[in-house]
Amino acid sequence: MEALYFQTNSIIQETQQCFQQLNNVRGGDTGSVEAEIQTKLTAVSANCDRLDVLLYKVPVAQRPSTKMRVDQLKYDLRHLQAALRLYQDKKARRELEHAERESLLNKRFTANSDTSIDIDYSLQHNNAMQNAHRGVDEMIWTGSSILDGLRNQRETLKGARKRIMDVGNTLGLSNQTMKMIERRLVEDKYVMIGGMIVTLLIITVIIYFFVF
């Protein structure tokens, strides 16, 4: 699982570098870079699904911290996917504006020509707001998952502390019991010796009175 985690983290870092290349391209064809980013994001998504399955094979004590690391990979994946969608939306909007500008410049006007341009900026603004809302919801969900992981880790540590205290109490009780047993053995030894002495005295008295 560790190898798969580090491989996925490495792919995420490579994807971030691809975004830097995408931002550095000016007026060129970015289709190949976008395709490479999409391929890497698909690989990261598949790896995250496999990590979710492998998570249940991790020891219980290590599971909260491991789940937190996997959740961080998922958060990075959603962030990169949102960034790619935002870039593609901006690119499509620029291409649409360029096409409309070219159409307007190349259009021949007459006295009765209809020069209205149907550009729905409100719809574009609404789409951008929805993308922003989705990004905020994803961040809230990730934060909630991290808090749940911390709570689970806290409960695990509390359980371990309780078990340690129980073991300590048990050891203390065992030591006290051993001391009581040793003291009882010594007392029984003295009782036995005293009983033997008393028995010998009684036998001696009986022999003395019946023989002499």
C-alpha atoms as a PDB file:
ATOM      1  CA  MET A   1       0.000   0.000   0.000  1.00  0.00           C
ATOM      2  CA  GLU A   2       2.874   2.372   0.753  1.00  0.00           C
ATOM      3  CA  ALA A   3       4.260   1.913  -2.766  1.00  0.00           C
ATOM      4  CA  LEU A   4       0.864   2.712  -4.301  1.00  0.00           C
ATOM      5  CA  TYR A   5       0.485   5.772  -2.063  1.00  0.00           C
ATOM      6  CA  PHE A   6       3.871   7.207  -3.042  1.00  0.00           C
ATOM      7  CA  GLN A   7       3.199   6.421  -6.716  1.00  0.00           C
ATOM      8  CA  THR A   8      -0.117   8.298  -6.560  1.00  0.00           C
ATOM      9  CA  ASN A   9       1.487  11.236  -4.761  1.00  0.00           C
ATOM     10  CA  SER A  10       4.176  11.357  -7.449  1.00  0.00           C
ATOM     11  CA  ILE A  11       1.527  11.431 -10.208  1.00  0.00           C
ATOM     12  CA  ILE A  12      -0.189  14.344  -8.450  1.00  0.00           C
ATOM     13  CA  GLN A  13       3.080  16.285  -8.368  1.00  0.00           C
ATOM     14  CA  GLU A  14       3.631  15.560 -12.075  1.00  0.00           C
ATOM     15  CA  THR A  15       0.105  16.794 -12.787  1.00  0.00           C
ATOM     16  CA  GLN A  16       0.819  20.046 -10.961  1.00  0.00           C
ATOM     17  CA  GLN A  17       3.891  20.510 -13.159  1.00  0.00           C
ATOM     18  CA  CYS A  18       1.697  19.927 -16.231  1.00  0.00           C
ATOM     19  CA  PHE A  19      -0.582  22.740 -15.028  1.00  0.00           C
ATOM     20  CA  GLN A  20       2.462  25.018 -14.876  1.00  0.00           C
ATOM     21  CA  GLN A  21       3.267  24.088 -18.474  1.00  0.00           C
ATOM     22  CA  LEU A  22      -0.351  24.768 -19.386  1.00  0.00           C
ATOM     23  CA  ASN A  23      -0.173  28.258 -17.891  1.00  0.00           C
ATOM     24  CA  ASN A  24       3.102  28.992 -19.679  1.00  0.00           C
ATOM     25  CA  VAL A  25       1.655  28.238 -23.129  1.00  0.00           C
ATOM     26  CA  ARG A  26       0.674  31.447 -24.902  1.00  0.00           C
ATOM     27  CA  GLY A  27      -1.485  31.110 -27.969  1.00  0.00           C
ATOM     28  CA  GLY A  28      -0.350  27.552 -28.732  1.00  0.00           C
ATOM     29  CA  ASP A  29      -2.114  24.219 -28.900  1.00  0.00           C
ATOM     30  CA  THR A  30      -2.697  23.015 -25.338  1.00  0.00           C
ATOM     31  CA  GLY A  31      -4.708  19.943 -26.281  1.00  0.00           C
ATOM     32  CA  SER A  32      -1.835  17.513 -25.725  1.00  0.00           C
ATOM     33  CA  VAL A  33      -1.095  18.938 -22.271  1.00  0.00           C
ATOM     34  CA  GLU A  34      -4.783  18.812 -21.332  1.00  0.00           C
ATOM     35  CA  ALA A  35      -4.998  15.194 -22.500  1.00  0.00           C
ATOM     36  CA  GLU A  36      -1.915  14.315 -20.423  1.00  0.00           C
ATOM     37  CA  ILE A  37      -3.436  15.976 -17.354  1.00  0.00           C
ATOM     38  CA  GLN A  38      -6.719  14.121 -17.844  1.00  0.00           C
ATOM     39  CA  THR A  39      -4.862  10.806 -18.176  1.00  0.00           C
ATOM     40  CA  LYS A  40      -2.936  11.419 -14.945  1.00  0.00           C
ATOM     41  CA  LEU A  41      -6.087  12.433 -13.081  1.00  0.00           C
ATOM     42  CA  THR A  42      -7.804   9.244 -14.229  1.00  0.00           C
ATOM     43  CA  ALA A  43      -4.833   7.211 -12.948  1.00  0.00           C
ATOM     44  CA  VAL A  44      -4.933   9.027  -9.594  1.00  0.00           C
ATOM     45  CA  SER A  45      -8.675   8.365  -9.273  1.00  0.00           C
ATOM     46  CA  ALA A  46      -8.172   4.644  -9.947  1.00  0.00           C
ATOM     47  CA  ASN A  47      -5.323   4.487  -7.412  1.00  0.00           C
ATOM     48  CA  CYS A  48      -7.483   6.196  -4.773  1.00  0.00           C
ATOM     49  CA  ASP A  49     -10.166   3.557  -5.297  1.00  0.00           C
ATOM     50  CA  ARG A  50      -7.569   0.823  -4.791  1.00  0.00           C
ATOM     51  CA  LEU A  51      -6.244   2.561  -1.678  1.00  0.00           C
ATOM     52  CA  ASP A  52      -9.767   2.602  -0.229  1.00  0.00           C
ATOM     53  CA  VAL A  53      -9.861  -1.188  -0.595  1.00  0.00           C
ATOM     54  CA  LEU A  54      -6.373  -1.702   0.828  1.00  0.00           C
ATOM     55  CA  LEU A  55      -7.187   0.571   3.771  1.00  0.00           C
ATOM     56  CA  TYR A  56      -9.148  -2.234   5.458  1.00  0.00           C
ATOM     57  CA  LYS A  57      -6.040  -4.443   5.419  1.00  0.00           C
ATOM     58  CA  VAL A  58      -4.057  -1.928   7.497  1.00  0.00           C
ATOM     59  CA  PRO A  59      -3.803  -2.627  11.274  1.00  0.00           C
ATOM     60  CA  VAL A  60      -6.540  -0.916  13.256  1.00  0.00           C
ATOM     61  CA  ALA A  61      -4.070   1.242  15.181  1.00  0.00           C
ATOM     62  CA  GLN A  62      -2.601   2.673  11.949  1.00  0.00           C
ATOM     63  CA  ARG A  63      -5.891   2.954  10.045  1.00  0.00           C
ATOM     64  CA  PRO A  64      -6.899   6.533  11.109  1.00  0.00           C
ATOM     65  CA  SER A  65      -3.582   8.090  10.048  1.00  0.00           C
ATOM     66  CA  THR A  66      -3.537   6.080   6.817  1.00  0.00           C
ATOM     67  CA  LYS A  67      -7.121   7.129   6.011  1.00  0.00           C
ATOM     68  CA  MET A  68      -6.142  10.750   6.583  1.00  0.00           C
ATOM     69  CA  ARG A  69      -3.327  10.422   4.026  1.00  0.00           C
ATOM     70  CA  VAL A  70      -5.688   8.835   1.485  1.00  0.00           C
ATOM     71  CA  ASP A  71      -8.254  11.605   2.082  1.00  0.00           C
ATOM     72  CA  GLN A  72      -5.522  14.165   1.369  1.00  0.00           C
ATOM     73  CA  LEU A  73      -4.855  12.483  -1.982  1.00  0.00           C
ATOM     74  CA  LYS A  74      -8.585  12.621  -2.781  1.00  0.00           C
ATOM     75  CA  TYR A  75      -8.670  16.310  -1.860  1.00  0.00           C
ATOM     76  CA  ASP A  76      -5.717  17.033  -4.158  1.00  0.00           C
ATOM     77  CA  LEU A  77      -7.443  15.062  -6.924  1.00  0.00           C
ATOM     78  CA  ARG A  78     -10.686  17.060  -6.613  1.00  0.00           C
ATOM     79  CA  HIS A  79      -8.723  20.313  -6.521  1.00  0.00           C
ATOM     80  CA  LEU A  80      -6.873  19.430  -9.730  1.00  0.00           C
ATOM     81  CA  GLN A  81     -10.079  18.284 -11.435  1.00  0.00           C
ATOM     82  CA  ALA A  82     -11.756  21.582 -10.532  1.00  0.00           C
ATOM     83  CA  ALA A  83      -8.740  23.501 -11.829  1.00  0.00           C
ATOM     84  CA  LEU A  84      -8.870  21.604 -15.133  1.00  0.00           C
ATOM     85  CA  ARG A  85     -12.606  22.287 -15.527  1.00  0.00           C
ATOM     86  CA  LEU A  86     -12.047  25.975 -14.777  1.00  0.00           C
ATOM     87  CA  TYR A  87      -9.239  26.178 -17.355  1.00  0.00           C
ATOM     88  CA  GLN A  88     -11.360  24.421 -19.981  1.00  0.00           C
ATOM     89  CA  ASP A  89     -14.307  26.743 -19.272  1.00  0.00           C
ATOM     90  CA  LYS A  90     -12.088  29.809 -19.658  1.00  0.00           C
ATOM     91  CA  LYS A  91     -10.588  28.394 -22.829  1.00  0.00           C
ATOM     92  CA  ALA A  92     -14.015  27.666 -24.321  1.00  0.00           C
ATOM     93  CA  ARG A  93     -15.182  31.165 -23.407  1.00  0.00           C
ATOM     94  CA  ARG A  94     -12.128  32.746 -25.051  1.00  0.00           C
ATOM     95  CA  GLU A  95     -12.625  30.650 -28.191  1.00  0.00           C
ATOM     96  CA  LEU A  96     -16.301  31.609 -28.312  1.00  0.00           C
ATOM     97  CA  GLU A  97     -15.508  35.298 -27.913  1.00  0.00           C
ATOM     98  CA  HIS A  98     -12.814  35.058 -30.577  1.00  0.00           C
ATOM     99  CA  ALA A  99     -15.182  33.313 -32.996  1.00  0.00           C
ATOM    100  CA  GLU A 100     -17.908  35.877 -32.407  1.00  0.00           C
ATOM    101  CA  ARG A 101     -15.435  38.740 -32.855  1.00  0.00           C
ATOM    102  CA  GLU A 102     -14.201  37.244 -36.122  1.00  0.00           C
ATOM    103  CA  SER A 103     -17.776  36.707 -37.268  1.00  0.00           C
ATOM    104  CA  LEU A 104     -18.630  40.303 -36.430  1.00  0.00           C
ATOM    105  CA  LEU A 105     -15.572  41.693 -38.229  1.00  0.00           C
ATOM    106  CA  ASN A 106     -16.163  39.600 -41.340  1.00  0.00           C
ATOM    107  CA  LYS A 107     -19.879  40.269 -41.533  1.00  0.00           C
ATOM    108  CA  ARG A 108     -21.131  42.599 -44.229  1.00  0.00           C
ATOM    109  CA  PHE A 109     -23.613  45.112 -42.928  1.00  0.00           C
ATOM    110  CA  THR A 110     -26.497  46.630 -44.836  1.00  0.00           C
ATOM    111  CA  ALA A 111     -29.029  49.195 -43.828  1.00  0.00           C
ATOM    112  CA  ASN A 112     -31.503  46.557 -42.678  1.00  0.00           C
ATOM    113  CA  SER A 113     -29.058  44.061 -41.206  1.00  0.00           C
ATOM    114  CA  ASP A 114     -29.729  42.515 -37.813  1.00  0.00           C
ATOM    115  CA  THR A 115     -26.523  43.008 -35.781  1.00  0.00           C
ATOM    116  CA  SER A 116     -27.674  41.501 -32.496  1.00  0.00           C
ATOM    117  CA  ILE A 117     -25.150  39.182 -30.776  1.00  0.00           C
ATOM    118  CA  ASP A 118     -26.545  36.491 -28.503  1.00  0.00           C
ATOM    119  CA  ILE A 119     -24.043  36.238 -25.653  1.00  0.00           C
ATOM    120  CA  ASP A 120     -25.531  35.082 -22.374  1.00  0.00           C
ATOM    121  CA  TYR A 121     -23.016  36.401 -19.833  1.00  0.00           C
ATOM    122  CA  SER A 122     -25.485  35.714 -17.008  1.00  0.00           C
ATOM    123  CA  LEU A 123     -25.421  32.004 -17.837  1.00  0.00           C
ATOM    124  CA  GLN A 124     -21.632  31.988 -17.890  1.00  0.00           C
ATOM    125  CA  HIS A 125     -21.520  33.795 -14.559  1.00  0.00           C
ATOM    126  CA  ASN A 126     -23.994  31.305 -13.094  1.00  0.00           C
ATOM    127  CA  ASN A 127     -21.843  28.372 -14.262  1.00  0.00           C
ATOM    128  CA  ALA A 128     -18.771  29.938 -12.694  1.00  0.00           C
ATOM    129  CA  MET A 129     -20.637  30.436  -9.402  1.00  0.00           C
ATOM    130  CA  GLN A 130     -21.797  26.823  -9.409  1.00  0.00           C
ATOM    131  CA  ASN A 131     -18.215  25.636  -9.947  1.00  0.00           C
ATOM    132  CA  ALA A 132     -17.097  27.795  -7.036  1.00  0.00           C
ATOM    133  CA  HIS A 133     -19.859  26.384  -4.822  1.00  0.00           C
ATOM    134  CA  ARG A 134     -18.836  22.853  -5.728  1.00  0.00           C
ATOM    135  CA  GLY A 135     -15.231  23.639  -4.816  1.00  0.00           C
ATOM    136  CA  VAL A 136     -16.270  25.036  -1.425  1.00  0.00           C
ATOM    137  CA  ASP A 137     -18.488  22.010  -0.746  1.00  0.00           C
ATOM    138  CA  GLU A 138     -15.597  19.696  -1.559  1.00  0.00           C
ATOM    139  CA  MET A 139     -13.291  21.569   0.821  1.00  0.00           C
ATOM    140  CA  ILE A 140     -15.929  21.391   3.584  1.00  0.00           C
ATOM    141  CA  TRP A 141     -16.372  17.670   2.994  1.00  0.00           C
ATOM    142  CA  THR A 142     -12.625  17.091   3.122  1.00  0.00           C
ATOM    143  CA  GLY A 143     -12.327  19.112   6.345  1.00  0.00           C
ATOM    144  CA  SER A 144     -15.152  17.079   7.878  1.00  0.00           C
ATOM    145  CA  SER A 145     -13.412  13.834   6.887  1.00  0.00           C
ATOM    146  CA  ILE A 146     -10.155  15.018   8.481  1.00  0.00           C
ATOM    147  CA  LEU A 147     -11.995  15.949  11.697  1.00  0.00           C
ATOM    148  CA  ASP A 148     -13.652  12.516  11.776  1.00  0.00           C
ATOM    149  CA  GLY A 149     -10.237  10.927  11.376  1.00  0.00           C
ATOM    150  CA  LEU A 150      -8.874  12.970  14.258  1.00  0.00           C
ATOM    151  CA  ARG A 151     -11.848  11.988  16.419  1.00  0.00           C
ATOM    152  CA  ASN A 152     -11.315   8.310  15.632  1.00  0.00           C
ATOM    153  CA  GLN A 153      -7.631   8.636  16.444  1.00  0.00           C
ATOM    154  CA  ARG A 154      -8.505  10.335  19.742  1.00  0.00           C
ATOM    155  CA  GLU A 155     -10.901   7.518  20.666  1.00  0.00           C
ATOM    156  CA  THR A 156      -8.227   4.956  19.799  1.00  0.00           C
ATOM    157  CA  LEU A 157      -5.683   6.695  22.019  1.00  0.00           C
ATOM    158  CA  LYS A 158      -8.229   6.916  24.855  1.00  0.00           C
ATOM    159  CA  GLY A 159      -8.913   3.189  24.542  1.00  0.00           C
ATOM    160  CA  ALA A 160      -5.186   2.403  24.588  1.00  0.00           C
ATOM    161  CA  ARG A 161      -4.742   4.602  27.691  1.00  0.00           C
ATOM    162  CA  LYS A 162      -7.613   2.832  29.450  1.00  0.00           C
ATOM    163  CA  ARG A 163      -6.152  -0.580  28.650  1.00  0.00           C
ATOM    164  CA  ILE A 164      -2.764   0.512  29.987  1.00  0.00           C
ATOM    165  CA  MET A 165      -4.385   1.735  33.210  1.00  0.00           C
ATOM    166  CA  ASP A 166      -6.316  -1.539  33.540  1.00  0.00           C
ATOM    167  CA  VAL A 167      -3.122  -3.533  33.095  1.00  0.00           C
ATOM    168  CA  GLY A 168      -1.409  -1.349  35.710  1.00  0.00           C
ATOM    169  CA  ASN A 169      -4.263  -1.871  38.158  1.00  0.00           C
ATOM    170  CA  THR A 170      -4.213  -5.593  37.495  1.00  0.00           C
ATOM    171  CA  LEU A 171      -0.488  -5.754  38.154  1.00  0.00           C
ATOM    172  CA  GLY A 172      -0.938  -3.807  41.378  1.00  0.00           C
ATOM    173  CA  LEU A 173      -3.666  -6.198  42.533  1.00  0.00           C
ATOM    174  CA  SER A 174      -1.514  -9.204  41.662  1.00  0.00           C
ATOM    175  CA  ASN A 175       1.406  -7.891  43.686  1.00  0.00           C
ATOM    176  CA  GLN A 176      -0.840  -7.258  46.687  1.00  0.00           C
ATOM    177  CA  THR A 177      -2.365 -10.722  46.387  1.00  0.00           C
ATOM    178  CA  MET A 178       1.092 -12.337  46.254  1.00  0.00           C
ATOM    179  CA  LYS A 179       2.125 -10.503  49.397  1.00  0.00           C
ATOM    180  CA  MET A 180      -1.022 -11.690  51.179  1.00  0.00           C
ATOM    181  CA  ILE A 181      -0.366 -15.279  50.099  1.00  0.00           C
ATOM    182  CA  GLU A 182       3.222 -15.125  51.325  1.00  0.00           C
ATOM    183  CA  ARG A 183       2.088 -13.679  54.642  1.00  0.00           C
ATOM    184  CA  ARG A 184      -0.575 -16.395  54.955  1.00  0.00           C
ATOM    185  CA  LEU A 185       2.022 -19.094  54.287  1.00  0.00           C
ATOM    186  CA  VAL A 186       4.235 -17.773  57.042  1.00  0.00           C
ATOM    187  CA  GLU A 187       1.269 -17.637  59.445  1.00  0.00           C
ATOM    188  CA  ASP A 188       0.248 -21.190  58.509  1.00  0.00           C
ATOM    189  CA  LYS A 189       3.808 -22.328  59.144  1.00  0.00           C
ATOM    190  CA  TYR A 190       3.780 -20.868  62.655  1.00  0.00           C
ATOM    191  CA  VAL A 191       0.341 -22.378  63.334  1.00  0.00           C
ATOM    192  CA  MET A 192       1.584 -25.788  62.218  1.00  0.00           C
ATOM    193  CA  ILE A 193       4.678 -25.589  64.412  1.00  0.00           C
ATOM    194  CA  GLY A 194       2.579 -24.401  67.367  1.00  0.00           C
ATOM    195  CA  GLY A 195       0.100 -27.250  66.810  1.00  0.00           C
ATOM    196  CA  MET A 196       2.929 -29.787  66.705  1.00  0.00           C
ATOM    197  CA  ILE A 197       4.358 -28.444  69.961  1.00  0.00           C
ATOM    198  CA  VAL A 198       0.958 -28.509  71.680  1.00  0.00           C
ATOM    199  CA  THR A 199       0.316 -32.068  70.456  1.00  0.00           C
ATOM    200  CA  LEU A 200       3.691 -33.219  71.781  1.00  0.00           C
ATOM    201  CA  LEU A 201       2.973 -31.644  75.164  1.00  0.00           C
ATOM    202  CA  ILE A 202      -0.430 -33.369  75.381  1.00  0.00           C
ATOM    203  CA  ILE A 203       1.122 -36.751  74.475  1.00  0.00           C
ATOM    204  CA  THR A 204       3.863 -36.198  77.045  1.00  0.00           C
ATOM    205  CA  VAL A 205       1.330 -35.371  79.775  1.00  0.00           C
ATOM    206  CA  ILE A 206      -0.783 -38.419  78.960  1.00  0.00           C
ATOM    207  CA  ILE A 207       2.241 -40.756  79.038  1.00  0.00           C
ATOM    208  CA  TYR A 208       3.401 -39.195  82.289  1.00  0.00           C
ATOM    209  CA  PHE A 209       0.082 -39.694  84.135  1.00  0.00           C
ATOM    210  CA  PHE A 210      -0.688 -43.181  82.806  1.00  0.00           C
ATOM    211  CA  VAL A 211       2.802 -44.640  82.996  1.00  0.00           C
ATOM    212  CA  PHE A 212       4.038 -43.113  86.192  1.00  0.00           C
END
